[in-house]
């Protein structure tokens, strides 16, 4: 009863194909990939700003 199995993944893919059509899926994946990339970049930038802020607030 743990995690998502092979059947569940196939069912999800089938539903996505039915809802969006096979031609639209590459465009959706491209958009999702760019969204994930932007999110990762924002997290990296936030970590960088946080570490810079901490180094200026805590001079040794």
PDB file of N, CA and C in Angstrom:
ATOM      1  N   UNK A   1       0.803  -1.207   0.000  1.00  0.00           N
ATOM      2  CA  UNK A   1       0.000   0.000   0.000  1.00  0.00           C
ATOM      3  C   UNK A   1       0.840   1.263   0.000  1.00  0.00           C
ATOM      4  N   UNK A   2       2.120   1.187  -0.252  1.00  0.00           N
ATOM      5  CA  UNK A   2       2.933   2.394  -0.272  1.00  0.00           C
ATOM      6  C   UNK A   2       3.095   2.928  -1.678  1.00  0.00           C
ATOM      7  N   UNK A   3       3.470   4.135  -1.841  1.00  0.00           N
ATOM      8  CA  UNK A   3       3.886   4.759  -3.095  1.00  0.00           C
ATOM      9  C   UNK A   3       3.001   4.526  -4.307  1.00  0.00           C
ATOM     10  N   UNK A   4       3.414   5.129  -5.382  1.00  0.00           N
ATOM     11  CA  UNK A   4       2.699   5.008  -6.652  1.00  0.00           C
ATOM     12  C   UNK A   4       3.310   3.862  -7.438  1.00  0.00           C
ATOM     13  N   UNK A   5       2.475   2.985  -7.920  1.00  0.00           N
ATOM     14  CA  UNK A   5       2.935   1.834  -8.682  1.00  0.00           C
ATOM     15  C   UNK A   5       2.866   2.083 -10.182  1.00  0.00           C
ATOM     16  N   UNK A   6       3.260   1.088 -10.927  1.00  0.00           N
ATOM     17  CA  UNK A   6       3.302   1.165 -12.381  1.00  0.00           C
ATOM     18  C   UNK A   6       1.912   1.410 -12.966  1.00  0.00           C
ATOM     19  N   UNK A   7       0.912   0.734 -12.441  1.00  0.00           N
ATOM     20  CA  UNK A   7      -0.454   0.903 -12.954  1.00  0.00           C
ATOM     21  C   UNK A   7      -0.961   2.321 -12.746  1.00  0.00           C
ATOM     22  N   UNK A   8      -0.663   2.908 -11.595  1.00  0.00           N
ATOM     23  CA  UNK A   8      -1.116   4.263 -11.314  1.00  0.00           C
ATOM     24  C   UNK A   8      -0.463   5.266 -12.256  1.00  0.00           C
ATOM     25  N   UNK A   9       0.826   5.067 -12.538  1.00  0.00           N
ATOM     26  CA  UNK A   9       1.533   5.953 -13.462  1.00  0.00           C
ATOM     27  C   UNK A   9       0.931   5.835 -14.860  1.00  0.00           C
ATOM     28  N   UNK A  10       0.658   4.621 -15.306  1.00  0.00           N
ATOM     29  CA  UNK A  10       0.040   4.432 -16.620  1.00  0.00           C
ATOM     30  C   UNK A  10      -1.338   5.095 -16.691  1.00  0.00           C
ATOM     31  N   UNK A  11      -2.099   4.966 -15.625  1.00  0.00           N
ATOM     32  CA  UNK A  11      -3.421   5.579 -15.580  1.00  0.00           C
ATOM     33  C   UNK A  11      -3.312   7.100 -15.663  1.00  0.00           C
ATOM     34  N   UNK A  12      -2.374   7.682 -14.936  1.00  0.00           N
ATOM     35  CA  UNK A  12      -2.173   9.131 -14.994  1.00  0.00           C
ATOM     36  C   UNK A  12      -1.772   9.580 -16.396  1.00  0.00           C
ATOM     37  N   UNK A  13      -0.849   8.845 -17.024  1.00  0.00           N
ATOM     38  CA  UNK A  13      -0.435   9.186 -18.387  1.00  0.00           C
ATOM     39  C   UNK A  13      -1.596   9.086 -19.370  1.00  0.00           C
ATOM     40  N   UNK A  14      -2.415   8.075 -19.216  1.00  0.00           N
ATOM     41  CA  UNK A  14      -3.580   7.910 -20.082  1.00  0.00           C
ATOM     42  C   UNK A  14      -4.545   9.083 -19.916  1.00  0.00           C
ATOM     43  N   UNK A  15      -4.783   9.492 -18.693  1.00  0.00           N
ATOM     44  CA  UNK A  15      -5.679  10.623 -18.433  1.00  0.00           C
ATOM     45  C   UNK A  15      -5.109  11.901 -19.047  1.00  0.00           C
ATOM     46  N   UNK A  16      -3.797  12.108 -18.915  1.00  0.00           N
ATOM     47  CA  UNK A  16      -3.161  13.300 -19.488  1.00  0.00           C
ATOM     48  C   UNK A  16      -3.294  13.305 -20.999  1.00  0.00           C
ATOM     49  N   UNK A  17      -3.071  12.154 -21.625  1.00  0.00           N
ATOM     50  CA  UNK A  17      -3.200  12.066 -23.088  1.00  0.00           C
ATOM     51  C   UNK A  17      -4.632  12.342 -23.516  1.00  0.00           C
ATOM     52  N   UNK A  18      -5.594  11.827 -22.784  1.00  0.00           N
ATOM     53  CA  UNK A  18      -7.001  12.049 -23.125  1.00  0.00           C
ATOM     54  C   UNK A  18      -7.371  13.523 -22.963  1.00  0.00           C
ATOM     55  N   UNK A  19      -6.924  14.146 -21.882  1.00  0.00           N
ATOM     56  CA  UNK A  19      -7.285  15.536 -21.625  1.00  0.00           C
ATOM     57  C   UNK A  19      -6.599  16.518 -22.566  1.00  0.00           C
ATOM     58  N   UNK A  20      -5.318  16.328 -22.827  1.00  0.00           N
ATOM     59  CA  UNK A  20      -4.554  17.324 -23.560  1.00  0.00           C
ATOM     60  C   UNK A  20      -4.216  16.928 -24.986  1.00  0.00           C
ATOM     61  N   UNK A  21      -4.264  15.673 -25.295  1.00  0.00           N
ATOM     62  CA  UNK A  21      -3.894  15.218 -26.630  1.00  0.00           C
ATOM     63  C   UNK A  21      -2.398  14.983 -26.726  1.00  0.00           C
ATOM     64  N   UNK A  22      -2.010  14.090 -27.596  1.00  0.00           N
ATOM     65  CA  UNK A  22      -0.607  13.693 -27.701  1.00  0.00           C
ATOM     66  C   UNK A  22       0.276  14.824 -28.210  1.00  0.00           C
ATOM     67  N   UNK A  23      -0.265  15.718 -29.028  1.00  0.00           N
ATOM     68  CA  UNK A  23       0.544  16.809 -29.581  1.00  0.00           C
ATOM     69  C   UNK A  23       0.834  17.900 -28.559  1.00  0.00           C
ATOM     70  N   UNK A  24       0.015  18.024 -27.560  1.00  0.00           N
ATOM     71  CA  UNK A  24       0.169  19.077 -26.565  1.00  0.00           C
ATOM     72  C   UNK A  24       1.129  18.688 -25.440  1.00  0.00           C
ATOM     73  N   UNK A  25       1.381  17.407 -25.244  1.00  0.00           N
ATOM     74  CA  UNK A  25       2.204  16.928 -24.125  1.00  0.00           C
ATOM     75  C   UNK A  25       3.637  17.478 -24.168  1.00  0.00           C
ATOM     76  N   UNK A  26       4.338  17.473 -25.315  1.00  0.00           N
ATOM     77  CA  UNK A  26       5.704  18.035 -25.310  1.00  0.00           C
ATOM     78  C   UNK A  26       5.733  19.505 -24.878  1.00  0.00           C
ATOM     79  N   UNK A  27       4.743  20.257 -25.301  1.00  0.00           N
ATOM     80  CA  UNK A  27       4.663  21.667 -24.911  1.00  0.00           C
ATOM     81  C   UNK A  27       4.445  21.802 -23.398  1.00  0.00           C
ATOM     82  N   UNK A  28       3.592  20.964 -22.845  1.00  0.00           N
ATOM     83  CA  UNK A  28       3.352  20.988 -21.397  1.00  0.00           C
ATOM     84  C   UNK A  28       4.609  20.619 -20.623  1.00  0.00           C
ATOM     85  N   UNK A  29       5.326  19.602 -21.088  1.00  0.00           N
ATOM     86  CA  UNK A  29       6.550  19.180 -20.400  1.00  0.00           C
ATOM     87  C   UNK A  29       7.623  20.259 -20.488  1.00  0.00           C
ATOM     88  N   UNK A  30       7.714  20.924 -21.640  1.00  0.00           N
ATOM     89  CA  UNK A  30       8.674  22.009 -21.812  1.00  0.00           C
ATOM     90  C   UNK A  30       8.371  23.135 -20.827  1.00  0.00           C
ATOM     91  N   UNK A  31       7.108  23.480 -20.703  1.00  0.00           N
ATOM     92  CA  UNK A  31       6.702  24.516 -19.761  1.00  0.00           C
ATOM     93  C   UNK A  31       6.979  24.122 -18.322  1.00  0.00           C
ATOM     94  N   UNK A  32       6.723  22.865 -17.995  1.00  0.00           N
ATOM     95  CA  UNK A  32       6.983  22.391 -16.641  1.00  0.00           C
ATOM     96  C   UNK A  32       8.480  22.410 -16.347  1.00  0.00           C
ATOM     97  N   UNK A  33       9.282  22.017 -17.332  1.00  0.00           N
ATOM     98  CA  UNK A  33      10.733  22.024 -17.154  1.00  0.00           C
ATOM     99  C   UNK A  33      11.275  23.423 -16.937  1.00  0.00           C
ATOM    100  N   UNK A  34      10.778  24.380 -17.697  1.00  0.00           N
ATOM    101  CA  UNK A  34      11.256  25.757 -17.508  1.00  0.00           C
ATOM    102  C   UNK A  34      10.787  26.309 -16.164  1.00  0.00           C
ATOM    103  N   UNK A  35       9.614  25.917 -15.720  1.00  0.00           N
ATOM    104  CA  UNK A  35       9.129  26.349 -14.408  1.00  0.00           C
ATOM    105  C   UNK A  35       9.982  25.791 -13.285  1.00  0.00           C
ATOM    106  N   UNK A  36      10.366  24.533 -13.394  1.00  0.00           N
ATOM    107  CA  UNK A  36      11.231  23.916 -12.394  1.00  0.00           C
ATOM    108  C   UNK A  36      12.593  24.591 -12.387  1.00  0.00           C
ATOM    109  N   UNK A  37      13.123  24.902 -13.578  1.00  0.00           N
ATOM    110  CA  UNK A  37      14.423  25.577 -13.672  1.00  0.00           C
ATOM    111  C   UNK A  37      14.362  26.949 -13.005  1.00  0.00           C
ATOM    112  N   UNK A  38      13.311  27.716 -13.273  1.00  0.00           N
ATOM    113  CA  UNK A  38      13.159  29.029 -12.647  1.00  0.00           C
ATOM    114  C   UNK A  38      13.068  28.907 -11.127  1.00  0.00           C
ATOM    115  N   UNK A  39      12.367  27.906 -10.648  1.00  0.00           N
ATOM    116  CA  UNK A  39      12.238  27.687  -9.212  1.00  0.00           C
ATOM    117  C   UNK A  39      13.602  27.385  -8.590  1.00  0.00           C
ATOM    118  N   UNK A  40      14.367  26.493  -9.217  1.00  0.00           N
ATOM    119  CA  UNK A  40      15.696  26.152  -8.709  1.00  0.00           C
ATOM    120  C   UNK A  40      16.616  27.364  -8.702  1.00  0.00           C
ATOM    121  N   UNK A  41      16.556  28.168  -9.769  1.00  0.00           N
ATOM    122  CA  UNK A  41      17.374  29.377  -9.823  1.00  0.00           C
ATOM    123  C   UNK A  41      17.007  30.343  -8.702  1.00  0.00           C
ATOM    124  N   UNK A  42      15.719  30.477  -8.431  1.00  0.00           N
ATOM    125  CA  UNK A  42      15.269  31.370  -7.363  1.00  0.00           C
ATOM    126  C   UNK A  42      15.742  30.872  -6.000  1.00  0.00           C
ATOM    127  N   UNK A  43      15.717  29.563  -5.791  1.00  0.00           N
ATOM    128  CA  UNK A  43      16.179  29.000  -4.525  1.00  0.00           C
ATOM    129  C   UNK A  43      17.678  29.247  -4.362  1.00  0.00           C
ATOM    130  N   UNK A  44      18.452  29.043  -5.439  1.00  0.00           N
ATOM    131  CA  UNK A  44      19.895  29.294  -5.374  1.00  0.00           C
ATOM    132  C   UNK A  44      20.173  30.766  -5.060  1.00  0.00           C
ATOM    133  N   UNK A  45      19.448  31.655  -5.705  1.00  0.00           N
ATOM    134  CA  UNK A  45      19.634  33.085  -5.483  1.00  0.00           C
ATOM    135  C   UNK A  45      19.288  33.453  -4.043  1.00  0.00           C
ATOM    136  N   UNK A  46      18.225  32.877  -3.521  1.00  0.00           N
ATOM    137  CA  UNK A  46      17.828  33.159  -2.147  1.00  0.00           C
ATOM    138  C   UNK A  46      18.889  32.664  -1.162  1.00  0.00           C
ATOM    139  N   UNK A  47      19.437  31.475  -1.396  1.00  0.00           N
ATOM    140  CA  UNK A  47      20.494  30.955  -0.527  1.00  0.00           C
ATOM    141  C   UNK A  47      21.719  31.857  -0.580  1.00  0.00           C
ATOM    142  N   UNK A  48      22.051  32.335  -1.776  1.00  0.00           N
ATOM    143  CA  UNK A  48      23.204  33.219  -1.938  1.00  0.00           C
ATOM    144  C   UNK A  48      22.987  34.514  -1.174  1.00  0.00           C
ATOM    145  N   UNK A  49      21.807  35.111  -1.314  1.00  0.00           N
ATOM    146  CA  UNK A  49      21.506  36.350  -0.602  1.00  0.00           C
ATOM    147  C   UNK A  49      21.508  36.137   0.909  1.00  0.00           C
ATOM    148  N   UNK A  50      20.982  35.018   1.351  1.00  0.00           N
ATOM    149  CA  UNK A  50      20.937  34.727   2.785  1.00  0.00           C
ATOM    150  C   UNK A  50      22.352  34.577   3.345  1.00  0.00           C
ATOM    151  N   UNK A  51      23.209  33.854   2.637  1.00  0.00           N
ATOM    152  CA  UNK A  51      24.574  33.671   3.125  1.00  0.00           C
ATOM    153  C   UNK A  51      25.348  34.984   3.109  1.00  0.00           C
ATOM    154  N   UNK A  52      25.110  35.841   2.099  1.00  0.00           N
ATOM    155  CA  UNK A  52      25.758  37.153   2.057  1.00  0.00           C
ATOM    156  C   UNK A  52      25.283  38.020   3.216  1.00  0.00           C
ATOM    157  N   UNK A  53      24.003  37.984   3.492  1.00  0.00           N
ATOM    158  CA  UNK A  53      23.426  38.766   4.571  1.00  0.00           C
ATOM    159  C   UNK A  53      23.976  38.309   5.921  1.00  0.00           C
ATOM    160  N   UNK A  54      24.107  36.997   6.102  1.00  0.00           N
ATOM    161  CA  UNK A  54      24.642  36.454   7.348  1.00  0.00           C
ATOM    162  C   UNK A  54      26.104  36.829   7.531  1.00  0.00           C
ATOM    163  N   UNK A  55      26.868  36.834   6.442  1.00  0.00           N
ATOM    164  CA  UNK A  55      28.292  37.173   6.560  1.00  0.00           C
ATOM    165  C   UNK A  55      28.483  38.651   6.880  1.00  0.00           C
ATOM    166  N   UNK A  56      27.594  39.530   6.424  1.00  0.00           N
ATOM    167  CA  UNK A  56      27.719  40.957   6.742  1.00  0.00           C
ATOM    168  C   UNK A  56      27.183  41.265   8.135  1.00  0.00           C
ATOM    169  N   UNK A  57      26.243  40.469   8.623  1.00  0.00           N
ATOM    170  CA  UNK A  57      25.685  40.691   9.954  1.00  0.00           C
ATOM    171  C   UNK A  57      26.547  40.099  11.060  1.00  0.00           C
ATOM    172  N   UNK A  58      27.351  39.102  10.751  1.00  0.00           N
ATOM    173  CA  UNK A  58      28.169  38.421  11.751  1.00  0.00           C
ATOM    174  C   UNK A  58      29.649  38.533  11.407  1.00  0.00           C
ATOM    175  N   UNK A  59      30.236  39.721  11.488  1.00  0.00           N
ATOM    176  CA  UNK A  59      31.665  39.817  11.168  1.00  0.00           C
ATOM    177  C   UNK A  59      32.500  39.113  12.232  1.00  0.00           C
ATOM    178  N   UNK A  60      33.506  38.387  11.789  1.00  0.00           N
ATOM    179  CA  UNK A  60      34.342  37.626  12.726  1.00  0.00           C
ATOM    180  C   UNK A  60      35.526  38.431  13.179  1.00  0.00           C
TER     181      UNK A  60
END
